[in-house]
Amino acid sequence: FGRVTEFKYGAELGNAFRGNNPIKYLVNF
């Protein structure tokens, strides 16, 4: 009945750009 705030998005994007998870894996984000 509505959209939902996807909190995993910012957490994983931060992880990637901080270098904890190579950004090459964002290909299917």
PDB file of all heavy atoms in Angstrom:
ATOM      1  N   PHE A   1       0.814  -1.224   0.000  1.00  0.00           N
ATOM      2  CA  PHE A   1       0.000   0.000   0.000  1.00  0.00           C
ATOM      3  C   PHE A   1       0.847   1.273   0.000  1.00  0.00           C
ATOM      4  O   PHE A   1       0.360   2.357   0.298  1.00  0.00           O
ATOM      5  CB  PHE A   1      -0.964  -0.005   1.193  1.00  0.00           C
ATOM      6  CG  PHE A   1      -0.370  -0.561   2.459  1.00  0.00           C
ATOM      7  CD1 PHE A   1       0.321   0.260   3.341  1.00  0.00           C
ATOM      8  CD2 PHE A   1      -0.479  -1.914   2.755  1.00  0.00           C
ATOM      9  CE1 PHE A   1       0.882  -0.260   4.494  1.00  0.00           C
ATOM     10  CE2 PHE A   1       0.082  -2.440   3.914  1.00  0.00           C
ATOM     11  CZ  PHE A   1       0.769  -1.607   4.789  1.00  0.00           C
ATOM     12  N   GLY A   2       2.127   1.139  -0.352  1.00  0.00           N
ATOM     13  CA  GLY A   2       2.998   2.305  -0.449  1.00  0.00           C
ATOM     14  C   GLY A   2       4.437   1.858  -0.611  1.00  0.00           C
ATOM     15  O   GLY A   2       4.746   0.668  -0.536  1.00  0.00           O
ATOM     16  N   ARG A   3       5.316   2.809  -0.858  1.00  0.00           N
ATOM     17  CA  ARG A   3       6.743   2.490  -0.909  1.00  0.00           C
ATOM     18  C   ARG A   3       7.298   2.406   0.512  1.00  0.00           C
ATOM     19  O   ARG A   3       6.673   2.864   1.460  1.00  0.00           O
ATOM     20  CB  ARG A   3       7.512   3.543  -1.713  1.00  0.00           C
ATOM     21  CG  ARG A   3       7.259   3.486  -3.201  1.00  0.00           C
ATOM     22  CD  ARG A   3       8.259   4.311  -3.970  1.00  0.00           C
ATOM     23  NE  ARG A   3       7.914   4.386  -5.383  1.00  0.00           N
ATOM     24  CZ  ARG A   3       8.718   4.044  -6.382  1.00  0.00           C
ATOM     25  NH1 ARG A   3       9.947   3.603  -6.124  1.00  0.00           N
ATOM     26  NH2 ARG A   3       8.340   4.163  -7.637  1.00  0.00           N
ATOM     27  N   VAL A   4       8.504   1.861   0.598  1.00  0.00           N
ATOM     28  CA  VAL A   4       9.174   1.682   1.882  1.00  0.00           C
ATOM     29  C   VAL A   4      10.601   2.218   1.763  1.00  0.00           C
ATOM     30  O   VAL A   4      11.252   2.060   0.721  1.00  0.00           O
ATOM     31  CB  VAL A   4       9.178   0.187   2.293  1.00  0.00           C
ATOM     32  CG1 VAL A   4      10.139  -0.066   3.452  1.00  0.00           C
ATOM     33  CG2 VAL A   4       7.765  -0.261   2.657  1.00  0.00           C
ATOM     34  N   THR A   5      11.073   2.868   2.818  1.00  0.00           N
ATOM     35  CA  THR A   5      12.450   3.366   2.851  1.00  0.00           C
ATOM     36  C   THR A   5      13.414   2.188   2.922  1.00  0.00           C
ATOM     37  O   THR A   5      13.389   1.424   3.883  1.00  0.00           O
ATOM     38  CB  THR A   5      12.657   4.282   4.073  1.00  0.00           C
ATOM     39  OG1 THR A   5      12.204   3.595   5.249  1.00  0.00           O
ATOM     40  CG2 THR A   5      11.867   5.575   3.926  1.00  0.00           C
ATOM     41  N   GLU A   6      14.259   2.042   1.898  1.00  0.00           N
ATOM     42  CA  GLU A   6      15.191   0.911   1.828  1.00  0.00           C
ATOM     43  C   GLU A   6      16.510   1.303   2.502  1.00  0.00           C
ATOM     44  O   GLU A   6      17.405   1.873   1.886  1.00  0.00           O
ATOM     45  CB  GLU A   6      15.410   0.507   0.360  1.00  0.00           C
ATOM     46  CG  GLU A   6      16.359  -0.663   0.154  1.00  0.00           C
ATOM     47  CD  GLU A   6      16.050  -1.882   1.006  1.00  0.00           C
ATOM     48  OE1 GLU A   6      16.485  -1.893   2.186  1.00  0.00           O
ATOM     49  OE2 GLU A   6      15.408  -2.826   0.500  1.00  0.00           O
ATOM     50  N   PHE A   7      16.595   1.001   3.802  1.00  0.00           N
ATOM     51  CA  PHE A   7      17.767   1.405   4.585  1.00  0.00           C
ATOM     52  C   PHE A   7      19.035   0.635   4.215  1.00  0.00           C
ATOM     53  O   PHE A   7      20.147   1.111   4.456  1.00  0.00           O
ATOM     54  CB  PHE A   7      17.479   1.262   6.085  1.00  0.00           C
ATOM     55  CG  PHE A   7      16.750   2.432   6.673  1.00  0.00           C
ATOM     56  CD1 PHE A   7      15.368   2.512   6.616  1.00  0.00           C
ATOM     57  CD2 PHE A   7      17.444   3.473   7.267  1.00  0.00           C
ATOM     58  CE1 PHE A   7      14.694   3.605   7.149  1.00  0.00           C
ATOM     59  CE2 PHE A   7      16.781   4.566   7.799  1.00  0.00           C
ATOM     60  CZ  PHE A   7      15.394   4.634   7.735  1.00  0.00           C
ATOM     61  N   LYS A   8      18.869  -0.558   3.630  1.00  0.00           N
ATOM     62  CA  LYS A   8      20.061  -1.304   3.218  1.00  0.00           C
ATOM     63  C   LYS A   8      20.810  -0.557   2.107  1.00  0.00           C
ATOM     64  O   LYS A   8      22.016  -0.721   1.951  1.00  0.00           O
ATOM     65  CB  LYS A   8      19.660  -2.709   2.739  1.00  0.00           C
ATOM     66  CG  LYS A   8      19.152  -3.620   3.856  1.00  0.00           C
ATOM     67  CD  LYS A   8      18.994  -5.047   3.405  1.00  0.00           C
ATOM     68  CE  LYS A   8      17.790  -5.287   2.529  1.00  0.00           C
ATOM     69  NZ  LYS A   8      16.507  -5.264   3.275  1.00  0.00           N
ATOM     70  N   TYR A   9      20.101   0.277   1.361  1.00  0.00           N
ATOM     71  CA  TYR A   9      20.688   0.977   0.207  1.00  0.00           C
ATOM     72  C   TYR A   9      21.843   1.882   0.639  1.00  0.00           C
ATOM     73  O   TYR A   9      22.971   1.753   0.162  1.00  0.00           O
ATOM     74  CB  TYR A   9      19.590   1.788  -0.489  1.00  0.00           C
ATOM     75  CG  TYR A   9      20.008   2.440  -1.779  1.00  0.00           C
ATOM     76  CD1 TYR A   9      19.803   1.798  -2.998  1.00  0.00           C
ATOM     77  CD2 TYR A   9      20.586   3.703  -1.796  1.00  0.00           C
ATOM     78  CE1 TYR A   9      20.179   2.394  -4.194  1.00  0.00           C
ATOM     79  CE2 TYR A   9      20.969   4.307  -2.991  1.00  0.00           C
ATOM     80  CZ  TYR A   9      20.760   3.648  -4.181  1.00  0.00           C
ATOM     81  OH  TYR A   9      21.140   4.239  -5.358  1.00  0.00           O
ATOM     82  N   GLY A  10      21.582   2.811   1.538  1.00  0.00           N
ATOM     83  CA  GLY A  10      22.621   3.746   1.971  1.00  0.00           C
ATOM     84  C   GLY A  10      23.737   3.053   2.727  1.00  0.00           C
ATOM     85  O   GLY A  10      24.912   3.427   2.610  1.00  0.00           O
ATOM     86  N   ALA A  11      23.376   2.022   3.511  1.00  0.00           N
ATOM     87  CA  ALA A  11      24.389   1.295   4.273  1.00  0.00           C
ATOM     88  C   ALA A  11      25.363   0.587   3.335  1.00  0.00           C
ATOM     89  O   ALA A  11      26.591   0.660   3.516  1.00  0.00           O
ATOM     90  CB  ALA A  11      23.718   0.293   5.212  1.00  0.00           C
ATOM     91  N   GLU A  12      24.846  -0.078   2.313  1.00  0.00           N
ATOM     92  CA  GLU A  12      25.714  -0.822   1.398  1.00  0.00           C
ATOM     93  C   GLU A  12      26.466   0.108   0.445  1.00  0.00           C
ATOM     94  O   GLU A  12      27.615  -0.158   0.079  1.00  0.00           O
ATOM     95  CB  GLU A  12      24.892  -1.850   0.608  1.00  0.00           C
ATOM     96  CG  GLU A  12      24.323  -2.974   1.456  1.00  0.00           C
ATOM     97  CD  GLU A  12      25.395  -3.892   2.037  1.00  0.00           C
ATOM     98  OE1 GLU A  12      26.600  -3.686   1.767  1.00  0.00           O
ATOM     99  OE2 GLU A  12      25.027  -4.824   2.774  1.00  0.00           O
ATOM    100  N   LEU A  13      25.826   1.211   0.045  1.00  0.00           N
ATOM    101  CA  LEU A  13      26.516   2.165  -0.821  1.00  0.00           C
ATOM    102  C   LEU A  13      27.680   2.811  -0.063  1.00  0.00           C
ATOM    103  O   LEU A  13      28.778   2.994  -0.608  1.00  0.00           O
ATOM    104  CB  LEU A  13      25.524   3.227  -1.301  1.00  0.00           C
ATOM    105  CG  LEU A  13      25.763   3.876  -2.661  1.00  0.00           C
ATOM    106  CD1 LEU A  13      25.966   2.826  -3.743  1.00  0.00           C
ATOM    107  CD2 LEU A  13      24.610   4.788  -3.018  1.00  0.00           C
ATOM    108  N   GLY A  14      27.448   3.126   1.206  1.00  0.00           N
ATOM    109  CA  GLY A  14      28.524   3.661   2.035  1.00  0.00           C
ATOM    110  C   GLY A  14      29.658   2.673   2.205  1.00  0.00           C
ATOM    111  O   GLY A  14      30.841   3.026   2.102  1.00  0.00           O
ATOM    112  N   ASN A  15      29.297   1.412   2.442  1.00  0.00           N
ATOM    113  CA  ASN A  15      30.306   0.355   2.554  1.00  0.00           C
ATOM    114  C   ASN A  15      31.175   0.286   1.309  1.00  0.00           C
ATOM    115  O   ASN A  15      32.403   0.155   1.389  1.00  0.00           O
ATOM    116  CB  ASN A  15      29.597  -1.000   2.728  1.00  0.00           C
ATOM    117  CG  ASN A  15      29.869  -1.609   4.079  1.00  0.00           C
ATOM    118  OD1 ASN A  15      30.818  -1.237   4.763  1.00  0.00           O
ATOM    119  ND2 ASN A  15      29.031  -2.546   4.459  1.00  0.00           N
ATOM    120  N   ALA A  16      30.530   0.381   0.150  1.00  0.00           N
ATOM    121  CA  ALA A  16      31.256   0.254  -1.110  1.00  0.00           C
ATOM    122  C   ALA A  16      32.209   1.427  -1.329  1.00  0.00           C
ATOM    123  O   ALA A  16      33.404   1.228  -1.580  1.00  0.00           O
ATOM    124  CB  ALA A  16      30.268   0.136  -2.265  1.00  0.00           C
ATOM    125  N   PHE A  17      31.691   2.643  -1.219  1.00  0.00           N
ATOM    126  CA  PHE A  17      32.536   3.799  -1.510  1.00  0.00           C
ATOM    127  C   PHE A  17      33.583   4.042  -0.424  1.00  0.00           C
ATOM    128  O   PHE A  17      34.603   4.698  -0.676  1.00  0.00           O
ATOM    129  CB  PHE A  17      31.691   5.040  -1.782  1.00  0.00           C
ATOM    130  CG  PHE A  17      31.111   5.054  -3.177  1.00  0.00           C
ATOM    131  CD1 PHE A  17      29.782   4.737  -3.393  1.00  0.00           C
ATOM    132  CD2 PHE A  17      31.917   5.351  -4.265  1.00  0.00           C
ATOM    133  CE1 PHE A  17      29.260   4.723  -4.688  1.00  0.00           C
ATOM    134  CE2 PHE A  17      31.409   5.341  -5.562  1.00  0.00           C
ATOM    135  CZ  PHE A  17      30.077   5.023  -5.778  1.00  0.00           C
ATOM    136  N   ARG A  18      33.373   3.501   0.766  1.00  0.00           N
ATOM    137  CA  ARG A  18      34.411   3.576   1.797  1.00  0.00           C
ATOM    138  C   ARG A  18      35.527   2.567   1.555  1.00  0.00           C
ATOM    139  O   ARG A  18      36.514   2.527   2.288  1.00  0.00           O
ATOM    140  CB  ARG A  18      33.799   3.340   3.187  1.00  0.00           C
ATOM    141  CG  ARG A  18      32.983   4.514   3.718  1.00  0.00           C
ATOM    142  CD  ARG A  18      32.507   4.241   5.130  1.00  0.00           C
ATOM    143  NE  ARG A  18      31.644   5.293   5.649  1.00  0.00           N
ATOM    144  CZ  ARG A  18      32.073   6.422   6.216  1.00  0.00           C
ATOM    145  NH1 ARG A  18      33.379   6.635   6.335  1.00  0.00           N
ATOM    146  NH2 ARG A  18      31.214   7.319   6.660  1.00  0.00           N
ATOM    147  N   GLY A  19      35.354   1.716   0.545  1.00  0.00           N
ATOM    148  CA  GLY A  19      36.397   0.766   0.199  1.00  0.00           C
ATOM    149  C   GLY A  19      36.274  -0.573   0.866  1.00  0.00           C
ATOM    150  O   GLY A  19      37.167  -1.419   0.737  1.00  0.00           O
ATOM    151  N   ASN A  20      35.176  -0.806   1.579  1.00  0.00           N
ATOM    152  CA  ASN A  20      35.000  -2.084   2.278  1.00  0.00           C
ATOM    153  C   ASN A  20      34.477  -3.187   1.368  1.00  0.00           C
ATOM    154  O   ASN A  20      34.462  -4.358   1.746  1.00  0.00           O
ATOM    155  CB  ASN A  20      34.038  -1.902   3.452  1.00  0.00           C
ATOM    156  CG  ASN A  20      34.534  -0.867   4.445  1.00  0.00           C
ATOM    157  OD1 ASN A  20      35.736  -0.733   4.651  1.00  0.00           O
ATOM    158  ND2 ASN A  20      33.618  -0.130   5.053  1.00  0.00           N
ATOM    159  N   ASN A  21      33.999  -2.805   0.187  1.00  0.00           N
ATOM    160  CA  ASN A  21      33.405  -3.754  -0.753  1.00  0.00           C
ATOM    161  C   ASN A  21      33.580  -3.137  -2.132  1.00  0.00           C
ATOM    162  O   ASN A  21      32.980  -2.094  -2.403  1.00  0.00           O
ATOM    163  CB  ASN A  21      31.919  -3.960  -0.429  1.00  0.00           C
ATOM    164  CG  ASN A  21      31.317  -5.144  -1.150  1.00  0.00           C
ATOM    165  OD1 ASN A  21      32.035  -5.943  -1.746  1.00  0.00           O
ATOM    166  ND2 ASN A  21      30.006  -5.259  -1.115  1.00  0.00           N
ATOM    167  N   PRO A  22      34.400  -3.687  -3.014  1.00  0.00           N
ATOM    168  CA  PRO A  22      34.711  -3.023  -4.285  1.00  0.00           C
ATOM    169  C   PRO A  22      33.464  -2.567  -5.043  1.00  0.00           C
ATOM    170  O   PRO A  22      32.477  -3.306  -5.143  1.00  0.00           O
ATOM    171  CB  PRO A  22      35.461  -4.113  -5.061  1.00  0.00           C
ATOM    172  CG  PRO A  22      36.110  -4.938  -4.007  1.00  0.00           C
ATOM    173  CD  PRO A  22      35.117  -4.972  -2.877  1.00  0.00           C
ATOM    174  N   ILE A  23      33.514  -1.336  -5.575  1.00  0.00           N
ATOM    175  CA  ILE A  23      32.328  -0.791  -6.255  1.00  0.00           C
ATOM    176  C   ILE A  23      32.036  -1.512  -7.570  1.00  0.00           C
ATOM    177  O   ILE A  23      30.968  -1.322  -8.146  1.00  0.00           O
ATOM    178  CB  ILE A  23      32.421   0.731  -6.472  1.00  0.00           C
ATOM    179  CG1 ILE A  23      33.576   1.102  -7.406  1.00  0.00           C
ATOM    180  CG2 ILE A  23      32.537   1.468  -5.145  1.00  0.00           C
ATOM    181  CD1 ILE A  23      33.588   2.596  -7.782  1.00  0.00           C
ATOM    182  N   LYS A  24      32.932  -2.379  -8.017  1.00  0.00           N
ATOM    183  CA  LYS A  24      32.624  -3.173  -9.222  1.00  0.00           C
ATOM    184  C   LYS A  24      31.369  -4.026  -8.999  1.00  0.00           C
ATOM    185  O   LYS A  24      30.658  -4.352  -9.943  1.00  0.00           O
ATOM    186  CB  LYS A  24      33.803  -4.083  -9.587  1.00  0.00           C
ATOM    187  CG  LYS A  24      34.063  -5.212  -8.583  1.00  0.00           C
ATOM    188  CD  LYS A  24      35.132  -6.163  -9.083  1.00  0.00           C
ATOM    189  CE  LYS A  24      35.327  -7.346  -8.126  1.00  0.00           C
ATOM    190  NZ  LYS A  24      36.304  -8.313  -8.631  1.00  0.00           N
ATOM    191  N   TYR A  25      31.104  -4.361  -7.730  1.00  0.00           N
ATOM    192  CA  TYR A  25      29.944  -5.203  -7.430  1.00  0.00           C
ATOM    193  C   TYR A  25      28.616  -4.447  -7.504  1.00  0.00           C
ATOM    194  O   TYR A  25      27.548  -5.055  -7.386  1.00  0.00           O
ATOM    195  CB  TYR A  25      30.101  -5.849  -6.053  1.00  0.00           C
ATOM    196  CG  TYR A  25      31.215  -6.866  -5.978  1.00  0.00           C
ATOM    197  CD1 TYR A  25      32.204  -6.764  -5.008  1.00  0.00           C
ATOM    198  CD2 TYR A  25      31.281  -7.929  -6.874  1.00  0.00           C
ATOM    199  CE1 TYR A  25      33.236  -7.688  -4.930  1.00  0.00           C
ATOM    200  CE2 TYR A  25      32.310  -8.859  -6.808  1.00  0.00           C
ATOM    201  CZ  TYR A  25      33.278  -8.728  -5.837  1.00  0.00           C
ATOM    202  OH  TYR A  25      34.298  -9.651  -5.772  1.00  0.00           O
ATOM    203  N   LEU A  26      28.673  -3.137  -7.699  1.00  0.00           N
ATOM    204  CA  LEU A  26      27.436  -2.361  -7.814  1.00  0.00           C
ATOM    205  C   LEU A  26      26.737  -2.588  -9.153  1.00  0.00           C
ATOM    206  O   LEU A  26      25.680  -2.015  -9.412  1.00  0.00           O
ATOM    207  CB  LEU A  26      27.731  -0.862  -7.643  1.00  0.00           C
ATOM    208  CG  LEU A  26      28.304  -0.436  -6.282  1.00  0.00           C
ATOM    209  CD1 LEU A  26      28.618   1.057  -6.287  1.00  0.00           C
ATOM    210  CD2 LEU A  26      27.335  -0.762  -5.150  1.00  0.00           C
ATOM    211  N   VAL A  27      27.296  -3.429 -10.004  1.00  0.00           N
ATOM    212  CA  VAL A  27      26.739  -3.679 -11.334  1.00  0.00           C
ATOM    213  C   VAL A  27      25.274  -4.125 -11.273  1.00  0.00           C
ATOM    214  O   VAL A  27      24.492  -3.822 -12.175  1.00  0.00           O
ATOM    215  CB  VAL A  27      27.607  -4.706 -12.104  1.00  0.00           C
ATOM    216  CG1 VAL A  27      27.635  -6.063 -11.397  1.00  0.00           C
ATOM    217  CG2 VAL A  27      27.133  -4.844 -13.544  1.00  0.00           C
ATOM    218  N   ASN A  28      24.884  -4.823 -10.227  1.00  0.00           N
ATOM    219  CA  ASN A  28      23.476  -5.255 -10.095  1.00  0.00           C
ATOM    220  C   ASN A  28      22.862  -4.724  -8.802  1.00  0.00           C
ATOM    221  O   ASN A  28      22.046  -5.387  -8.158  1.00  0.00           O
ATOM    222  CB  ASN A  28      23.377  -6.778 -10.154  1.00  0.00           C
ATOM    223  CG  ASN A  28      24.047  -7.454  -8.960  1.00  0.00           C
ATOM    224  OD1 ASN A  28      24.907  -6.876  -8.306  1.00  0.00           O
ATOM    225  ND2 ASN A  28      23.650  -8.691  -8.684  1.00  0.00           N
ATOM    226  N   PHE A  29      23.248  -3.516  -8.423  1.00  0.00           N
ATOM    227  CA  PHE A  29      22.799  -2.938  -7.147  1.00  0.00           C
ATOM    228  C   PHE A  29      21.282  -2.803  -7.130  1.00  0.00           C
ATOM    229  O   PHE A  29      20.666  -2.429  -8.126  1.00  0.00           O
ATOM    230  CB  PHE A  29      23.442  -1.560  -6.961  1.00  0.00           C
ATOM    231  CG  PHE A  29      23.460  -1.077  -5.534  1.00  0.00           C
ATOM    232  CD1 PHE A  29      24.074  -1.814  -4.546  1.00  0.00           C
ATOM    233  CD2 PHE A  29      22.867   0.119  -5.185  1.00  0.00           C
ATOM    234  CE1 PHE A  29      24.116  -1.370  -3.231  1.00  0.00           C
ATOM    235  CE2 PHE A  29      22.897   0.580  -3.877  1.00  0.00           C
ATOM    236  CZ  PHE A  29      23.518  -0.172  -2.893  1.00  0.00           C
TER     237      PHE A  29
END
